[in-house]
Amino acid sequence: MNWKIRLQNYAFWVGVIGLVGMVVVYFSPGFDFTPVKEILMAALTLCAMLGIVTDPTTSGVADSKVSEEKMSINETAEDVVKKMQEENK
């Protein structure tokens, strides 16, 4: 995992903030207003999920074209690029 790139991606930080927020809300003994707590936990869960599923090697939250074209976990980026070039000929 390339931490240098991951730490520069805003979606990663949204996920970290969401995760930390969920832990704080969950373990807050004085926070008993259930409807607000449920809505807050749902929003924080979505933030955490965004940080988990985002590809940090691309700008924004979309996957790269190479990632979208991969058919196997064992397939390398070079394999995908070669396959894409052959299809465009």
PDB file of N, CA and C in Angstrom:
ATOM      1  N   MET A   1       0.849  -1.168   0.000  1.00  0.00           N
ATOM      2  CA  MET A   1       0.000   0.000   0.000  1.00  0.00           C
ATOM      3  C   MET A   1       0.899   1.237   0.000  1.00  0.00           C
ATOM      4  N   ASN A   2       0.601   2.148  -0.890  1.00  0.00           N
ATOM      5  CA  ASN A   2       1.395   3.363  -1.004  1.00  0.00           C
ATOM      6  C   ASN A   2       0.782   4.439  -0.102  1.00  0.00           C
ATOM      7  N   TRP A   3       1.318   4.565   1.114  1.00  0.00           N
ATOM      8  CA  TRP A   3       0.766   5.491   2.098  1.00  0.00           C
ATOM      9  C   TRP A   3       0.953   6.940   1.702  1.00  0.00           C
ATOM     10  N   LYS A   4       2.030   7.243   0.978  1.00  0.00           N
ATOM     11  CA  LYS A   4       2.281   8.627   0.569  1.00  0.00           C
ATOM     12  C   LYS A   4       1.135   9.135  -0.314  1.00  0.00           C
ATOM     13  N   ILE A   5       0.718   8.322  -1.271  1.00  0.00           N
ATOM     14  CA  ILE A   5      -0.385   8.705  -2.157  1.00  0.00           C
ATOM     15  C   ILE A   5      -1.705   8.693  -1.393  1.00  0.00           C
ATOM     16  N   ARG A   6      -1.918   7.669  -0.580  1.00  0.00           N
ATOM     17  CA  ARG A   6      -3.174   7.553   0.160  1.00  0.00           C
ATOM     18  C   ARG A   6      -3.382   8.739   1.102  1.00  0.00           C
ATOM     19  N   LEU A   7      -2.323   9.194   1.763  1.00  0.00           N
ATOM     20  CA  LEU A   7      -2.445  10.309   2.701  1.00  0.00           C
ATOM     21  C   LEU A   7      -2.724  11.639   1.997  1.00  0.00           C
ATOM     22  N   GLN A   8      -2.472  11.724   0.698  1.00  0.00           N
ATOM     23  CA  GLN A   8      -2.727  12.944  -0.063  1.00  0.00           C
ATOM     24  C   GLN A   8      -4.135  12.975  -0.662  1.00  0.00           C
ATOM     25  N   ASN A   9      -4.882  11.884  -0.535  1.00  0.00           N
ATOM     26  CA  ASN A   9      -6.208  11.784  -1.127  1.00  0.00           C
ATOM     27  C   ASN A   9      -7.268  12.227  -0.131  1.00  0.00           C
ATOM     28  N   TYR A  10      -8.118  13.179  -0.529  1.00  0.00           N
ATOM     29  CA  TYR A  10      -9.122  13.715   0.390  1.00  0.00           C
ATOM     30  C   TYR A  10     -10.155  12.668   0.793  1.00  0.00           C
ATOM     31  N   ALA A  11     -10.469  11.724  -0.066  1.00  0.00           N
ATOM     32  CA  ALA A  11     -11.463  10.699   0.273  1.00  0.00           C
ATOM     33  C   ALA A  11     -10.967   9.809   1.408  1.00  0.00           C
ATOM     34  N   PHE A  12      -9.667   9.572   1.469  1.00  0.00           N
ATOM     35  CA  PHE A  12      -9.089   8.809   2.575  1.00  0.00           C
ATOM     36  C   PHE A  12      -9.352   9.526   3.889  1.00  0.00           C
ATOM     37  N   TRP A  13      -9.143  10.845   3.901  1.00  0.00           N
ATOM     38  CA  TRP A  13      -9.338  11.621   5.128  1.00  0.00           C
ATOM     39  C   TRP A  13     -10.814  11.713   5.503  1.00  0.00           C
ATOM     40  N   VAL A  14     -11.705  11.754   4.515  1.00  0.00           N
ATOM     41  CA  VAL A  14     -13.141  11.719   4.803  1.00  0.00           C
ATOM     42  C   VAL A  14     -13.479  10.403   5.502  1.00  0.00           C
ATOM     43  N   GLY A  15     -12.894   9.317   5.032  1.00  0.00           N
ATOM     44  CA  GLY A  15     -13.114   8.017   5.657  1.00  0.00           C
ATOM     45  C   GLY A  15     -12.570   7.946   7.067  1.00  0.00           C
ATOM     46  N   VAL A  16     -11.374   8.500   7.277  1.00  0.00           N
ATOM     47  CA  VAL A  16     -10.778   8.502   8.617  1.00  0.00           C
ATOM     48  C   VAL A  16     -11.636   9.323   9.575  1.00  0.00           C
ATOM     49  N   ILE A  17     -12.068  10.494   9.128  1.00  0.00           N
ATOM     50  CA  ILE A  17     -12.918  11.343   9.976  1.00  0.00           C
ATOM     51  C   ILE A  17     -14.240  10.634  10.289  1.00  0.00           C
ATOM     52  N   GLY A  18     -14.798   9.964   9.293  1.00  0.00           N
ATOM     53  CA  GLY A  18     -16.036   9.211   9.514  1.00  0.00           C
ATOM     54  C   GLY A  18     -15.843   8.097  10.521  1.00  0.00           C
ATOM     55  N   LEU A  19     -14.744   7.377  10.413  1.00  0.00           N
ATOM     56  CA  LEU A  19     -14.466   6.284  11.345  1.00  0.00           C
ATOM     57  C   LEU A  19     -14.243   6.799  12.762  1.00  0.00           C
ATOM     58  N   VAL A  20     -13.443   7.836  12.903  1.00  0.00           N
ATOM     59  CA  VAL A  20     -13.193   8.416  14.225  1.00  0.00           C
ATOM     60  C   VAL A  20     -14.497   8.960  14.814  1.00  0.00           C
ATOM     61  N   GLY A  21     -15.291   9.619  13.983  1.00  0.00           N
ATOM     62  CA  GLY A  21     -16.571  10.148  14.447  1.00  0.00           C
ATOM     63  C   GLY A  21     -17.505   9.045  14.921  1.00  0.00           C
ATOM     64  N   MET A  22     -17.536   7.918  14.201  1.00  0.00           N
ATOM     65  CA  MET A  22     -18.382   6.799  14.619  1.00  0.00           C
ATOM     66  C   MET A  22     -17.952   6.261  15.979  1.00  0.00           C
ATOM     67  N   VAL A  23     -16.659   6.128  16.177  1.00  0.00           N
ATOM     68  CA  VAL A  23     -16.152   5.628  17.459  1.00  0.00           C
ATOM     69  C   VAL A  23     -16.517   6.586  18.595  1.00  0.00           C
ATOM     70  N   VAL A  24     -16.342   7.882  18.360  1.00  0.00           N
ATOM     71  CA  VAL A  24     -16.658   8.877  19.392  1.00  0.00           C
ATOM     72  C   VAL A  24     -18.150   8.847  19.730  1.00  0.00           C
ATOM     73  N   VAL A  25     -19.013   8.834  18.700  1.00  0.00           N
ATOM     74  CA  VAL A  25     -20.456   8.823  18.942  1.00  0.00           C
ATOM     75  C   VAL A  25     -20.875   7.525  19.632  1.00  0.00           C
ATOM     76  N   TYR A  26     -20.320   6.407  19.210  1.00  0.00           N
ATOM     77  CA  TYR A  26     -20.699   5.115  19.782  1.00  0.00           C
ATOM     78  C   TYR A  26     -20.358   5.025  21.267  1.00  0.00           C
ATOM     79  N   PHE A  27     -19.207   5.542  21.636  1.00  0.00           N
ATOM     80  CA  PHE A  27     -18.754   5.424  23.017  1.00  0.00           C
ATOM     81  C   PHE A  27     -19.067   6.648  23.876  1.00  0.00           C
ATOM     82  N   SER A  28     -19.863   7.592  23.376  1.00  0.00           N
ATOM     83  CA  SER A  28     -20.249   8.760  24.169  1.00  0.00           C
ATOM     84  C   SER A  28     -21.410   8.382  25.085  1.00  0.00           C
ATOM     85  N   PRO A  29     -21.170   8.309  26.389  1.00  0.00           N
ATOM     86  CA  PRO A  29     -22.247   7.888  27.294  1.00  0.00           C
ATOM     87  C   PRO A  29     -23.342   8.941  27.455  1.00  0.00           C
ATOM     88  N   GLY A  30     -23.035  10.205  27.257  1.00  0.00           N
ATOM     89  CA  GLY A  30     -24.021  11.264  27.460  1.00  0.00           C
ATOM     90  C   GLY A  30     -24.859  11.563  26.235  1.00  0.00           C
ATOM     91  N   PHE A  31     -24.597  10.912  25.116  1.00  0.00           N
ATOM     92  CA  PHE A  31     -25.303  11.175  23.861  1.00  0.00           C
ATOM     93  C   PHE A  31     -26.419  10.152  23.710  1.00  0.00           C
ATOM     94  N   ASP A  32     -27.614  10.459  24.250  1.00  0.00           N
ATOM     95  CA  ASP A  32     -28.705   9.489  24.278  1.00  0.00           C
ATOM     96  C   ASP A  32     -29.869   9.821  23.357  1.00  0.00           C
ATOM     97  N   PHE A  33     -29.786  10.885  22.578  1.00  0.00           N
ATOM     98  CA  PHE A  33     -30.890  11.259  21.702  1.00  0.00           C
ATOM     99  C   PHE A  33     -30.854  10.353  20.475  1.00  0.00           C
ATOM    100  N   THR A  34     -31.573   9.232  20.537  1.00  0.00           N
ATOM    101  CA  THR A  34     -31.471   8.136  19.577  1.00  0.00           C
ATOM    102  C   THR A  34     -31.697   8.535  18.115  1.00  0.00           C
ATOM    103  N   PRO A  35     -32.737   9.287  17.746  1.00  0.00           N
ATOM    104  CA  PRO A  35     -32.918   9.612  16.316  1.00  0.00           C
ATOM    105  C   PRO A  35     -31.731  10.372  15.723  1.00  0.00           C
ATOM    106  N   VAL A  36     -31.205  11.329  16.444  1.00  0.00           N
ATOM    107  CA  VAL A  36     -30.057  12.092  15.947  1.00  0.00           C
ATOM    108  C   VAL A  36     -28.829  11.193  15.880  1.00  0.00           C
ATOM    109  N   LYS A  37     -28.674  10.344  16.873  1.00  0.00           N
ATOM    110  CA  LYS A  37     -27.525   9.437  16.899  1.00  0.00           C
ATOM    111  C   LYS A  37     -27.559   8.491  15.698  1.00  0.00           C
ATOM    112  N   GLU A  38     -28.731   7.974  15.361  1.00  0.00           N
ATOM    113  CA  GLU A  38     -28.849   7.062  14.214  1.00  0.00           C
ATOM    114  C   GLU A  38     -28.527   7.770  12.903  1.00  0.00           C
ATOM    115  N   ILE A  39     -29.022   8.978  12.730  1.00  0.00           N
ATOM    116  CA  ILE A  39     -28.741   9.742  11.511  1.00  0.00           C
ATOM    117  C   ILE A  39     -27.254  10.077  11.423  1.00  0.00           C
ATOM    118  N   LEU A  40     -26.679  10.490  12.541  1.00  0.00           N
ATOM    119  CA  LEU A  40     -25.256  10.820  12.580  1.00  0.00           C
ATOM    120  C   LEU A  40     -24.410   9.597  12.270  1.00  0.00           C
ATOM    121  N   MET A  41     -24.763   8.460  12.843  1.00  0.00           N
ATOM    122  CA  MET A  41     -24.007   7.234  12.580  1.00  0.00           C
ATOM    123  C   MET A  41     -24.120   6.824  11.110  1.00  0.00           C
ATOM    124  N   ALA A  42     -25.290   7.000  10.502  1.00  0.00           N
ATOM    125  CA  ALA A  42     -25.469   6.670   9.086  1.00  0.00           C
ATOM    126  C   ALA A  42     -24.586   7.562   8.219  1.00  0.00           C
ATOM    127  N   ALA A  43     -24.561   8.855   8.515  1.00  0.00           N
ATOM    128  CA  ALA A  43     -23.732   9.790   7.741  1.00  0.00           C
ATOM    129  C   ALA A  43     -22.256   9.468   7.919  1.00  0.00           C
ATOM    130  N   LEU A  44     -21.838   9.173   9.126  1.00  0.00           N
ATOM    131  CA  LEU A  44     -20.432   8.845   9.375  1.00  0.00           C
ATOM    132  C   LEU A  44     -20.051   7.522   8.727  1.00  0.00           C
ATOM    133  N   THR A  45     -20.978   6.566   8.694  1.00  0.00           N
ATOM    134  CA  THR A  45     -20.720   5.290   8.025  1.00  0.00           C
ATOM    135  C   THR A  45     -20.512   5.501   6.530  1.00  0.00           C
ATOM    136  N   LEU A  46     -21.329   6.362   5.917  1.00  0.00           N
ATOM    137  CA  LEU A  46     -21.149   6.663   4.489  1.00  0.00           C
ATOM    138  C   LEU A  46     -19.790   7.312   4.232  1.00  0.00           C
ATOM    139  N   CYS A  47     -19.360   8.195   5.119  1.00  0.00           N
ATOM    140  CA  CYS A  47     -18.039   8.822   4.982  1.00  0.00           C
ATOM    141  C   CYS A  47     -16.932   7.781   5.065  1.00  0.00           C
ATOM    142  N   ALA A  48     -17.053   6.867   6.018  1.00  0.00           N
ATOM    143  CA  ALA A  48     -16.044   5.820   6.166  1.00  0.00           C
ATOM    144  C   ALA A  48     -16.020   4.913   4.938  1.00  0.00           C
ATOM    145  N   MET A  49     -17.191   4.568   4.418  1.00  0.00           N
ATOM    146  CA  MET A  49     -17.243   3.718   3.228  1.00  0.00           C
ATOM    147  C   MET A  49     -16.610   4.404   2.026  1.00  0.00           C
ATOM    148  N   LEU A  50     -16.842   5.692   1.884  1.00  0.00           N
ATOM    149  CA  LEU A  50     -16.253   6.439   0.780  1.00  0.00           C
ATOM    150  C   LEU A  50     -14.733   6.367   0.843  1.00  0.00           C
ATOM    151  N   GLY A  51     -14.184   6.498   2.018  1.00  0.00           N
ATOM    152  CA  GLY A  51     -12.738   6.425   2.184  1.00  0.00           C
ATOM    153  C   GLY A  51     -12.176   5.051   1.928  1.00  0.00           C
ATOM    154  N   ILE A  52     -12.977   4.013   2.140  1.00  0.00           N
ATOM    155  CA  ILE A  52     -12.511   2.644   1.951  1.00  0.00           C
ATOM    156  C   ILE A  52     -12.545   2.237   0.482  1.00  0.00           C
ATOM    157  N   VAL A  53     -13.588   2.596  -0.233  1.00  0.00           N
ATOM    158  CA  VAL A  53     -13.761   2.110  -1.602  1.00  0.00           C
ATOM    159  C   VAL A  53     -13.131   3.009  -2.668  1.00  0.00           C
ATOM    160  N   THR A  54     -12.570   4.116  -2.291  1.00  0.00           N
ATOM    161  CA  THR A  54     -12.008   5.045  -3.264  1.00  0.00           C
ATOM    162  C   THR A  54     -10.599   4.652  -3.659  1.00  0.00           C
ATOM    163  N   ASP A  55     -10.317   4.740  -4.951  1.00  0.00           N
ATOM    164  CA  ASP A  55      -8.980   4.472  -5.483  1.00  0.00           C
ATOM    165  C   ASP A  55      -8.117   5.714  -5.263  1.00  0.00           C
ATOM    166  N   PRO A  56      -7.094   5.647  -4.409  1.00  0.00           N
ATOM    167  CA  PRO A  56      -6.312   6.850  -4.107  1.00  0.00           C
ATOM    168  C   PRO A  56      -5.348   7.254  -5.216  1.00  0.00           C
ATOM    169  N   THR A  57      -5.224   6.426  -6.242  1.00  0.00           N
ATOM    170  CA  THR A  57      -4.287   6.758  -7.319  1.00  0.00           C
ATOM    171  C   THR A  57      -4.918   7.590  -8.421  1.00  0.00           C
ATOM    172  N   THR A  58      -6.216   7.902  -8.279  1.00  0.00           N
ATOM    173  CA  THR A  58      -6.886   8.730  -9.263  1.00  0.00           C
ATOM    174  C   THR A  58      -7.444   9.969  -8.587  1.00  0.00           C
ATOM    175  N   SER A  59      -7.670  11.009  -9.376  1.00  0.00           N
ATOM    176  CA  SER A  59      -8.282  12.203  -8.793  1.00  0.00           C
ATOM    177  C   SER A  59      -9.777  11.958  -8.626  1.00  0.00           C
ATOM    178  N   GLY A  60     -10.359  12.566  -7.626  1.00  0.00           N
ATOM    179  CA  GLY A  60     -11.775  12.364  -7.356  1.00  0.00           C
ATOM    180  C   GLY A  60     -12.038  11.009  -6.740  1.00  0.00           C
ATOM    181  N   VAL A  61     -13.245  10.495  -6.951  1.00  0.00           N
ATOM    182  CA  VAL A  61     -13.610   9.220  -6.345  1.00  0.00           C
ATOM    183  C   VAL A  61     -13.826   8.113  -7.375  1.00  0.00           C
ATOM    184  N   ALA A  62     -13.553   8.371  -8.637  1.00  0.00           N
ATOM    185  CA  ALA A  62     -13.739   7.366  -9.685  1.00  0.00           C
ATOM    186  C   ALA A  62     -12.500   6.494  -9.836  1.00  0.00           C
ATOM    187  N   ASP A  63     -12.721   5.275 -10.338  1.00  0.00           N
ATOM    188  CA  ASP A  63     -11.602   4.389 -10.633  1.00  0.00           C
ATOM    189  C   ASP A  63     -10.965   4.779 -11.951  1.00  0.00           C
ATOM    190  N   SER A  64      -9.722   4.389 -12.122  1.00  0.00           N
ATOM    191  CA  SER A  64      -9.043   4.629 -13.390  1.00  0.00           C
ATOM    192  C   SER A  64      -9.591   3.666 -14.436  1.00  0.00           C
ATOM    193  N   LYS A  65      -9.384   3.986 -15.692  1.00  0.00           N
ATOM    194  CA  LYS A  65      -9.843   3.135 -16.793  1.00  0.00           C
ATOM    195  C   LYS A  65      -9.197   1.760 -16.707  1.00  0.00           C
ATOM    196  N   VAL A  66      -7.932   1.735 -16.301  1.00  0.00           N
ATOM    197  CA  VAL A  66      -7.215   0.461 -16.177  1.00  0.00           C
ATOM    198  C   VAL A  66      -7.870  -0.395 -15.096  1.00  0.00           C
ATOM    199  N   SER A  67      -8.210   0.207 -13.960  1.00  0.00           N
ATOM    200  CA  SER A  67      -8.861  -0.543 -12.879  1.00  0.00           C
ATOM    201  C   SER A  67     -10.215  -1.095 -13.320  1.00  0.00           C
ATOM    202  N   GLU A  68     -10.940  -0.308 -14.087  1.00  0.00           N
ATOM    203  CA  GLU A  68     -12.253  -0.750 -14.548  1.00  0.00           C
ATOM    204  C   GLU A  68     -12.160  -1.902 -15.535  1.00  0.00           C
ATOM    205  N   GLU A  69     -11.069  -1.975 -16.294  1.00  0.00           N
ATOM    206  CA  GLU A  69     -10.916  -3.002 -17.323  1.00  0.00           C
ATOM    207  C   GLU A  69     -10.309  -4.298 -16.801  1.00  0.00           C
ATOM    208  N   LYS A  70      -9.772  -4.310 -15.599  1.00  0.00           N
ATOM    209  CA  LYS A  70      -9.162  -5.526 -15.057  1.00  0.00           C
ATOM    210  C   LYS A  70     -10.213  -6.608 -14.878  1.00  0.00           C
ATOM    211  N   MET A  71      -9.880  -7.808 -15.281  1.00  0.00           N
ATOM    212  CA  MET A  71     -10.798  -8.933 -15.161  1.00  0.00           C
ATOM    213  C   MET A  71     -10.350  -9.926 -14.097  1.00  0.00           C
ATOM    214  N   SER A  72      -9.119  -9.789 -13.611  1.00  0.00           N
ATOM    215  CA  SER A  72      -8.572 -10.709 -12.628  1.00  0.00           C
ATOM    216  C   SER A  72      -7.649  -9.948 -11.692  1.00  0.00           C
ATOM    217  N   ILE A  73      -7.557 -10.398 -10.465  1.00  0.00           N
ATOM    218  CA  ILE A  73      -6.664  -9.766  -9.499  1.00  0.00           C
ATOM    219  C   ILE A  73      -5.203  -9.973  -9.895  1.00  0.00           C
ATOM    220  N   ASN A  74      -4.935 -11.022 -10.640  1.00  0.00           N
ATOM    221  CA  ASN A  74      -3.565 -11.329 -11.065  1.00  0.00           C
ATOM    222  C   ASN A  74      -3.143 -10.536 -12.291  1.00  0.00           C
ATOM    223  N   GLU A  75      -4.080  -9.906 -12.956  1.00  0.00           N
ATOM    224  CA  GLU A  75      -3.798  -9.126 -14.161  1.00  0.00           C
ATOM    225  C   GLU A  75      -3.110  -7.823 -13.773  1.00  0.00           C
ATOM    226  N   THR A  76      -1.994  -7.515 -14.421  1.00  0.00           N
ATOM    227  CA  THR A  76      -1.250  -6.289 -14.111  1.00  0.00           C
ATOM    228  C   THR A  76      -1.764  -5.135 -14.963  1.00  0.00           C
ATOM    229  N   ALA A  77      -1.377  -3.939 -14.576  1.00  0.00           N
ATOM    230  CA  ALA A  77      -1.766  -2.752 -15.346  1.00  0.00           C
ATOM    231  C   ALA A  77      -1.183  -2.830 -16.757  1.00  0.00           C
ATOM    232  N   GLU A  78       0.040  -3.355 -16.883  1.00  0.00           N
ATOM    233  CA  GLU A  78       0.653  -3.504 -18.211  1.00  0.00           C
ATOM    234  C   GLU A  78      -0.185  -4.419 -19.094  1.00  0.00           C
ATOM    235  N   ASP A  79      -0.678  -5.527 -18.522  1.00  0.00           N
ATOM    236  CA  ASP A  79      -1.515  -6.452 -19.283  1.00  0.00           C
ATOM    237  C   ASP A  79      -2.775  -5.756 -19.782  1.00  0.00           C
ATOM    238  N   VAL A  80      -3.397  -4.975 -18.928  1.00  0.00           N
ATOM    239  CA  VAL A  80      -4.634  -4.288 -19.290  1.00  0.00           C
ATOM    240  C   VAL A  80      -4.377  -3.256 -20.374  1.00  0.00           C
ATOM    241  N   VAL A  81      -3.298  -2.489 -20.243  1.00  0.00           N
ATOM    242  CA  VAL A  81      -2.976  -1.465 -21.246  1.00  0.00           C
ATOM    243  C   VAL A  81      -2.694  -2.119 -22.589  1.00  0.00           C
ATOM    244  N   LYS A  82      -1.949  -3.220 -22.596  1.00  0.00           N
ATOM    245  CA  LYS A  82      -1.676  -3.928 -23.853  1.00  0.00           C
ATOM    246  C   LYS A  82      -2.967  -4.422 -24.487  1.00  0.00           C
ATOM    247  N   LYS A  83      -3.863  -4.981 -23.664  1.00  0.00           N
ATOM    248  CA  LYS A  83      -5.143  -5.475 -24.172  1.00  0.00           C
ATOM    249  C   LYS A  83      -5.976  -4.332 -24.743  1.00  0.00           C
ATOM    250  N   MET A  84      -5.972  -3.187 -24.073  1.00  0.00           N
ATOM    251  CA  MET A  84      -6.730  -2.026 -24.555  1.00  0.00           C
ATOM    252  C   MET A  84      -6.154  -1.507 -25.869  1.00  0.00           C
ATOM    253  N   GLN A  85      -4.822  -1.509 -25.999  1.00  0.00           N
ATOM    254  CA  GLN A  85      -4.187  -1.049 -27.227  1.00  0.00           C
ATOM    255  C   GLN A  85      -4.513  -1.985 -28.386  1.00  0.00           C
ATOM    256  N   GLU A  86      -4.533  -3.301 -28.117  1.00  0.00           N
ATOM    257  CA  GLU A  86      -4.847  -4.268 -29.161  1.00  0.00           C
ATOM    258  C   GLU A  86      -6.295  -4.130 -29.629  1.00  0.00           C
ATOM    259  N   GLU A  87      -7.196  -3.817 -28.695  1.00  0.00           N
ATOM    260  CA  GLU A  87      -8.603  -3.648 -29.056  1.00  0.00           C
ATOM    261  C   GLU A  87      -8.843  -2.403 -29.877  1.00  0.00           C
ATOM    262  N   ASN A  88      -8.011  -1.373 -29.702  1.00  0.00           N
ATOM    263  CA  ASN A  88      -8.165  -0.114 -30.435  1.00  0.00           C
ATOM    264  C   ASN A  88      -7.530  -0.138 -31.812  1.00  0.00           C
ATOM    265  N   LYS A  89      -6.805  -1.184 -32.148  1.00  0.00           N
ATOM    266  CA  LYS A  89      -6.168  -1.265 -33.476  1.00  0.00           C
ATOM    267  C   LYS A  89      -7.150  -1.621 -34.537  1.00  0.00           C
TER     268      LYS A  89
END
